[in-house]
Amino acid sequence: MNQNAIRDVVEVRNVSHFFDNPESGSIPVLSKLSLRIRQQEFVSIVGPSGAGKSTLFNIISGLLTPSEGSVLVHGQDIRQSTGHVGYMMQKDLLFPWRTVIENVGLGLEIKGAAKSKRKELGRDYLRRYGLESFADAYPSTLSGGMRQRVAFIRTLVTNPDIILLDEPFSALDYQTRLVLEEEILSVLREQGKTVVLVTHDIGEAIAMSDRVVVMSKRPGTVKQIYDVGLAALHGSALRARADHRYNDFFEAIWKDLDIQIGREA
């Protein structure tokens, strides 16, 4: 990569967050968390339950304002940044009364794109990823994997620089998860996207990521960062799982999570 391609595109600066509880008062969720993510990098964030992973995701996406600290995207406060970030949630959140192509065009519709433009771009993306024949189908007729593909295309079609993925494969069976990991990683690499994945699945994080960020228990902060890069090395998430270093990373990250079996929720 040239020097321009490795600049920081997301910078989390000393972010802390608290939730107010009427009974117990202020609850600290994140504590002085700092993180830099480079252009075209795939970073996964893992941590114990309750560490604040989803809260951090919401802050990076601009959906939640931190109690303290800031998030910069391309050097600009996330609250003033427009169009740079797209996100895909755990649930596909497809509208059942809309066809596939109408669901795909939702982000474009919010941005004010004309109906003809939405359909043109939507069909182009569905064609690229093998779903054109389902353009006029309704979500209820699709499998779980296909619904997630549609949700992914809906995220891509607005052409954001940065893609945030919040447990996008967790509701799928294992075989479908492996297939989607491979497909989505290939597309993101091909399009040069910067990606942040929040996941409970250590294996998924290792198989897909350039770096894996391990969060501490609540209040969450960065405990350790692992330079992995197996997917980039092998050109495949599946082949990354076969690398002899995969298990070493898994054991090290599991140890860092410090989960007490039978006691961790």
Protein backbone atom coordinates (compact mmCIF):
# COMPACT_ATOMS: atom_id res chain seq x y z
CA MET A 1 0.00 0.00 0.00
CA ASN A 2 1.17 3.52 -0.60
CA GLN A 3 1.43 6.04 2.23
CA ASN A 4 -1.96 7.57 1.43
CA ALA A 5 -3.66 4.18 1.67
CA ILE A 6 -2.57 3.51 5.26
CA ARG A 7 -3.80 6.70 6.89
CA ASP A 8 -6.21 6.50 9.80
CA VAL A 9 -9.81 6.84 8.64
CA VAL A 10 -11.49 6.19 12.00
CA GLU A 11 -10.09 7.49 15.27
CA VAL A 12 -11.76 6.82 18.61
CA ARG A 13 -10.36 9.29 21.14
CA ASN A 14 -10.63 8.63 24.88
CA VAL A 15 -14.28 7.59 24.65
CA SER A 16 -16.18 6.95 27.87
CA HIS A 17 -19.88 6.30 28.15
CA PHE A 18 -22.33 6.07 31.02
CA PHE A 19 -25.95 4.97 31.18
CA ASP A 20 -28.23 6.51 33.78
CA ASN A 21 -30.13 4.07 35.98
CA PRO A 22 -32.86 5.55 38.21
CA GLU A 23 -32.12 2.99 40.94
CA SER A 24 -28.34 2.59 40.91
CA GLY A 25 -27.27 5.88 39.33
CA SER A 26 -24.72 6.26 36.54
CA ILE A 27 -23.40 2.97 35.10
CA PRO A 28 -20.01 3.16 33.34
CA VAL A 29 -20.00 1.12 30.10
CA LEU A 30 -16.85 2.36 28.32
CA SER A 31 -13.77 3.92 29.92
CA LYS A 32 -11.26 6.13 28.05
CA LEU A 33 -11.22 3.82 25.02
CA SER A 34 -8.96 4.83 22.16
CA LEU A 35 -8.57 3.07 18.81
CA ARG A 36 -7.26 3.90 15.33
CA ILE A 37 -8.44 2.10 12.20
CA ARG A 38 -6.52 2.43 8.96
CA GLN A 39 -7.88 2.74 5.45
CA GLN A 40 -8.90 -0.58 3.83
CA GLU A 41 -8.27 -2.40 7.11
CA PHE A 42 -10.57 -5.10 8.47
CA VAL A 43 -10.75 -4.82 12.26
CA SER A 44 -12.80 -7.06 14.54
CA ILE A 45 -13.79 -6.14 18.09
CA VAL A 46 -14.37 -8.95 20.60
CA GLY A 47 -14.95 -8.90 24.33
CA PRO A 48 -16.86 -10.53 27.18
CA SER A 49 -20.62 -10.09 27.40
CA GLY A 50 -21.46 -6.65 28.73
CA ALA A 51 -18.07 -5.17 27.74
CA GLY A 52 -19.75 -2.43 25.69
CA LYS A 53 -19.11 -3.74 22.17
CA SER A 54 -22.55 -2.75 20.88
CA THR A 55 -22.30 0.62 22.63
CA LEU A 56 -18.96 1.23 20.91
CA PHE A 57 -20.50 0.17 17.58
CA ASN A 58 -23.32 2.68 18.04
CA ILE A 59 -20.85 5.43 18.90
CA ILE A 60 -18.60 4.72 15.89
CA SER A 61 -21.67 4.67 13.62
CA GLY A 62 -22.81 8.04 14.97
CA LEU A 63 -26.05 6.62 16.37
CA LEU A 64 -24.98 7.41 19.94
CA THR A 65 -23.04 10.38 21.31
CA PRO A 66 -20.40 9.37 23.87
CA SER A 67 -20.52 10.84 27.37
CA GLU A 68 -16.85 11.79 26.98
CA GLY A 69 -14.36 11.76 24.11
CA SER A 70 -14.95 11.82 20.37
CA VAL A 71 -14.91 9.79 17.15
CA LEU A 72 -13.32 11.18 14.01
CA VAL A 73 -13.96 9.89 10.49
CA HIS A 74 -11.46 11.18 7.93
CA GLY A 75 -10.43 13.72 10.56
CA GLN A 76 -13.97 15.05 10.99
CA ASP A 77 -16.27 14.55 13.97
CA ILE A 78 -18.64 11.67 13.20
CA ARG A 79 -21.63 13.91 13.94
CA GLN A 80 -20.63 16.19 11.06
CA SER A 81 -19.62 13.36 8.74
CA THR A 82 -22.12 12.38 6.04
CA GLY A 83 -22.20 9.37 3.74
CA HIS A 84 -18.93 7.83 4.91
CA VAL A 85 -20.32 5.08 7.14
CA GLY A 86 -22.70 2.23 6.33
CA TYR A 87 -23.75 -0.38 8.84
CA MET A 88 -25.28 -3.83 8.84
CA MET A 89 -27.00 -5.15 11.94
CA GLN A 90 -27.43 -8.64 13.40
CA LYS A 91 -30.99 -8.80 12.06
CA ASP A 92 -31.53 -8.08 8.38
CA LEU A 93 -34.33 -5.58 9.16
CA LEU A 94 -35.87 -5.98 5.71
CA PHE A 95 -39.32 -4.47 5.36
CA PRO A 96 -41.70 -7.40 4.65
CA TRP A 97 -44.04 -5.26 2.55
CA ARG A 98 -41.23 -4.19 0.22
CA THR A 99 -39.72 -6.30 -2.54
CA VAL A 100 -36.02 -7.12 -2.54
CA ILE A 101 -35.15 -4.28 -4.90
CA GLU A 102 -37.24 -1.85 -2.88
CA ASN A 103 -35.42 -2.91 0.29
CA VAL A 104 -32.04 -2.57 -1.43
CA GLY A 105 -32.89 0.99 -2.47
CA LEU A 106 -33.92 2.16 1.01
CA GLY A 107 -30.67 3.97 1.81
CA LEU A 108 -30.69 5.64 -1.59
CA GLU A 109 -34.30 6.69 -1.02
CA ILE A 110 -33.36 8.30 2.30
CA LYS A 111 -30.58 10.17 0.49
CA GLY A 112 -33.16 11.52 -1.99
CA ALA A 113 -32.23 9.47 -5.07
CA ALA A 114 -34.92 9.26 -7.76
CA LYS A 115 -36.89 6.01 -8.05
CA SER A 116 -35.41 5.25 -11.47
CA LYS A 117 -31.88 5.68 -10.12
CA ARG A 118 -32.64 3.46 -7.12
CA LYS A 119 -33.92 0.68 -9.36
CA GLU A 120 -31.01 1.00 -11.78
CA LEU A 121 -28.36 0.80 -9.05
CA GLY A 122 -30.30 -1.85 -7.14
CA ARG A 123 -30.55 -4.16 -10.14
CA ASP A 124 -26.89 -3.60 -10.95
CA TYR A 125 -25.81 -4.67 -7.44
CA LEU A 126 -28.23 -7.60 -7.34
CA ARG A 127 -26.87 -8.73 -10.71
CA ARG A 128 -23.27 -8.51 -9.48
CA TYR A 129 -23.99 -10.70 -6.47
CA GLY A 130 -26.27 -13.26 -8.09
CA LEU A 131 -29.64 -12.11 -6.75
CA GLU A 132 -31.13 -10.36 -9.77
CA SER A 133 -33.77 -13.08 -10.26
CA PHE A 134 -35.10 -12.29 -6.75
CA ALA A 135 -35.43 -8.53 -7.32
CA ASP A 136 -39.24 -8.62 -7.26
CA ALA A 137 -39.57 -11.25 -4.51
CA TYR A 138 -40.58 -10.46 -0.94
CA PRO A 139 -38.30 -11.17 2.05
CA SER A 140 -40.59 -13.92 3.38
CA THR A 141 -39.70 -16.08 0.37
CA LEU A 142 -35.94 -15.91 1.02
CA SER A 143 -33.68 -18.07 3.17
CA GLY A 144 -31.82 -16.51 6.11
CA GLY A 145 -28.59 -16.38 4.14
CA MET A 146 -30.25 -14.69 1.18
CA ARG A 147 -31.91 -12.12 3.43
CA GLN A 148 -28.50 -11.25 4.88
CA ARG A 149 -27.07 -10.92 1.37
CA VAL A 150 -29.87 -8.47 0.54
CA ALA A 151 -29.13 -6.52 3.73
CA PHE A 152 -25.44 -6.44 2.78
CA ILE A 153 -26.22 -5.18 -0.73
CA ARG A 154 -28.47 -2.50 0.81
CA THR A 155 -25.42 -1.39 2.83
CA LEU A 156 -23.08 -1.41 -0.18
CA VAL A 157 -25.33 0.35 -2.69
CA THR A 158 -24.88 3.76 -1.03
CA ASN A 159 -21.11 3.31 -1.52
CA PRO A 160 -19.87 4.17 2.01
CA ASP A 161 -16.11 4.22 2.68
CA ILE A 162 -16.50 2.42 6.00
CA ILE A 163 -18.68 -0.62 6.69
CA LEU A 164 -19.70 -1.49 10.26
CA LEU A 165 -20.88 -5.05 10.83
CA ASP A 166 -22.69 -5.92 14.08
CA GLU A 167 -22.86 -9.72 14.49
CA PRO A 168 -24.17 -10.09 10.91
CA PHE A 169 -23.85 -13.90 10.80
CA SER A 170 -24.93 -14.89 14.33
CA ALA A 171 -28.48 -15.97 13.42
CA LEU A 172 -27.31 -18.25 10.59
CA ASP A 173 -26.36 -21.91 10.57
CA TYR A 174 -22.64 -22.68 10.59
CA GLN A 175 -22.32 -23.67 6.93
CA THR A 176 -24.14 -20.55 5.74
CA ARG A 177 -21.97 -18.42 8.02
CA LEU A 178 -18.78 -19.78 6.45
CA VAL A 179 -20.10 -19.15 2.94
CA LEU A 180 -21.18 -15.59 3.77
CA GLU A 181 -17.90 -14.82 5.53
CA GLU A 182 -16.08 -15.78 2.34
CA GLU A 183 -18.43 -13.88 0.02
CA ILE A 184 -18.59 -10.70 2.06
CA LEU A 185 -14.85 -10.60 2.75
CA SER A 186 -14.17 -10.99 -0.98
CA VAL A 187 -16.54 -8.16 -1.89
CA LEU A 188 -15.15 -5.82 0.76
CA ARG A 189 -11.56 -6.48 -0.31
CA GLU A 190 -12.48 -6.02 -3.97
CA GLN A 191 -14.12 -2.65 -3.27
CA GLY A 192 -11.38 -1.44 -0.91
CA LYS A 193 -13.66 -0.84 2.05
CA THR A 194 -12.59 -0.19 5.63
CA VAL A 195 -14.46 -2.60 7.91
CA VAL A 196 -15.22 -2.84 11.62
CA LEU A 197 -16.81 -6.11 12.76
CA VAL A 198 -18.28 -6.51 16.25
CA THR A 199 -18.64 -10.20 17.11
CA HIS A 200 -18.78 -12.75 19.94
CA ASP A 201 -17.21 -15.34 17.62
CA ILE A 202 -13.44 -15.40 18.16
CA GLY A 203 -12.92 -17.78 15.21
CA GLU A 204 -14.83 -15.47 12.87
CA ALA A 205 -12.75 -12.50 14.00
CA ILE A 206 -9.46 -14.34 13.42
CA ALA A 207 -10.53 -15.74 10.05
CA MET A 208 -11.60 -12.39 8.58
CA SER A 209 -9.47 -9.70 10.18
CA ASP A 210 -6.23 -7.82 9.74
CA ARG A 211 -6.37 -6.97 13.45
CA VAL A 212 -8.47 -8.19 16.37
CA VAL A 213 -9.19 -5.78 19.22
CA VAL A 214 -9.93 -7.41 22.59
CA MET A 215 -11.99 -5.35 25.03
CA SER A 216 -11.82 -5.69 28.79
CA LYS A 217 -14.75 -6.37 31.07
CA ARG A 218 -17.08 -3.46 31.80
CA PRO A 219 -16.30 -0.62 31.78
CA GLY A 220 -14.82 -1.63 28.44
CA THR A 221 -11.52 -0.38 27.13
CA VAL A 222 -8.89 -1.81 24.77
CA LYS A 223 -7.12 -4.67 26.56
CA GLN A 224 -5.06 -6.09 23.70
CA ILE A 225 -4.72 -5.81 19.92
CA TYR A 226 -3.59 -8.74 17.77
CA ASP A 227 -2.08 -8.34 14.30
CA VAL A 228 -3.59 -11.36 12.55
CA GLY A 229 -3.77 -10.85 8.78
CA LEU A 230 -4.39 -14.51 7.89
CA ALA A 231 -7.25 -13.75 5.47
CA ALA A 232 -5.15 -11.17 3.65
CA LEU A 233 -2.23 -13.61 3.49
CA HIS A 234 -4.28 -16.51 2.12
CA GLY A 235 -6.92 -14.53 0.21
CA SER A 236 -9.66 -16.47 1.97
CA ALA A 237 -11.36 -16.62 5.37
CA LEU A 238 -11.76 -20.39 5.01
CA ARG A 239 -8.06 -20.94 4.29
CA ALA A 240 -7.23 -18.62 7.19
CA ARG A 241 -8.96 -21.13 9.50
CA ALA A 242 -6.59 -23.84 8.25
CA ASP A 243 -3.44 -21.82 9.02
CA HIS A 244 -1.42 -23.33 11.88
CA ARG A 245 -1.42 -19.94 13.67
CA TYR A 246 -5.23 -19.82 13.82
CA ASN A 247 -5.41 -21.95 16.97
CA ASP A 248 -2.59 -19.99 18.62
CA PHE A 249 -4.49 -16.74 18.09
CA PHE A 250 -7.70 -18.38 19.35
CA GLU A 251 -6.09 -19.56 22.59
CA ALA A 252 -4.40 -16.21 23.24
CA ILE A 253 -7.58 -14.20 22.64
CA TRP A 254 -9.70 -16.60 24.72
CA LYS A 255 -7.24 -16.18 27.59
CA ASP A 256 -7.42 -12.39 27.26
CA LEU A 257 -11.22 -12.49 27.48
CA ASP A 258 -10.82 -13.96 30.97
CA ILE A 259 -14.21 -15.69 30.86
CA GLN A 260 -15.09 -17.88 33.82
CA ILE A 261 -17.02 -20.86 32.48
CA GLY A 262 -20.33 -21.16 34.35
CA ARG A 263 -20.06 -17.67 35.80
CA GLU A 264 -19.95 -15.43 32.70
CA ALA A 265 -23.40 -14.42 31.41
